[in-house]
Amino acid sequence: MTITAAPTPALAPVTQGAPPKLSAWELRAAQIDTLEAPRLRYGLLARMLFKQMDLVYGRERTLVKFTMLEFIARVPYQAWERMGSFSMSRHRRRSALAKRVYDRILETREEQDNEQWHLLILQDLVQREGHRQSFLLHRAAPWLVAFFYYHVSWLLFLVKPELSYRLNADFEDHAEHEYMSYVAEHPELELRPAPTTYSAEYGHYDTVADLLRQIGHDERVHKQDSLVHMKAPRFQD
C-alpha cells in the first residue's frame, strides 16, 4: 500500500522539505506498510552499530533505548552540513553549483531539526514514565557512539558520498521498523493520551501510539531521502 500524505488543519504546519504530518488513519496504514515490508540488507557498519546497541541496552524495544537511537540519529546530518559548508566555500564563484549545495544544506538542517524533535519528545516520554537513566549508559556512552558515528559518516562522505548515505538509510530503516514494531507490541498506547509538550512545534496527536507512528514515518522519509541521494549526490562537481 502506498501512502499519499496530506497535511490536516489540526496539525502543525509542515516546512518545506520536512516529513509530512499524517492523519490517524494514514499513520495506521503507514505502520502496516512498514511491518509488511522487508528491512533493508544492512551493511557491516550498520549491523555492528545495532549489535552494540543491543549489547548495551538489551534487545527489547524500550523508550529509553529509542532516546539513544535519536541521540545518534542527528549526527550524519551534522556531518553532511559540515561537508556542504566546506563545498560552498570551494564553489562560491560557481553560482549554479553553489545554489545546489546550499539547497542540500537546508535539507540536512531540516532533517537534523526533525531528529532533534524526536529526541526531545522521547526524552519527555521517558521522564513522564519515571525511567531511570544513568550518566554512564545514557549520557557518556551515547556521546561516544555519536562521536564515532559522526566521523565515520564524515569520512565515508569524503571518500564516496553514496557510502555515507547508505549507512544512514540503514540506520533510518532500522529506526522505522523499531518504532512501528514497538507500537504493535504495546496496544495500551492506543489509549494513552499523547503529551502536548511539543505539539505546537511537532504537531498534535491524540495518542502516544500515533505520536510514535509519526516518528517512525519520519524515519521512513529520511531513509528514502538518503536512498535518493545515493544515486545523485549533490556535493559533486
Foldseek 3Di string as FASTA:
>chain_A
DDQDADADPQKADDDPLADHQHDPVSLVVLLVVLVPDDFDPADPVLVVVVVVLCVLPNPDQDLLSVLLLLLQLLQLLVLLLVVLVVLCVVCVVPVVLNVLSVVSNVNSVNLSVLSVVVNVQSVVVCVVVPDDDDCVRRPVVSVVVSVVLNVVLNVCCVVANLVSLSNSLNSLSVLLNSLSVVCVVCVVQVVAARDCPCRNPGIHDGTPNSVSSSSSVSSVSSSVVSVVCSVPPSSDD
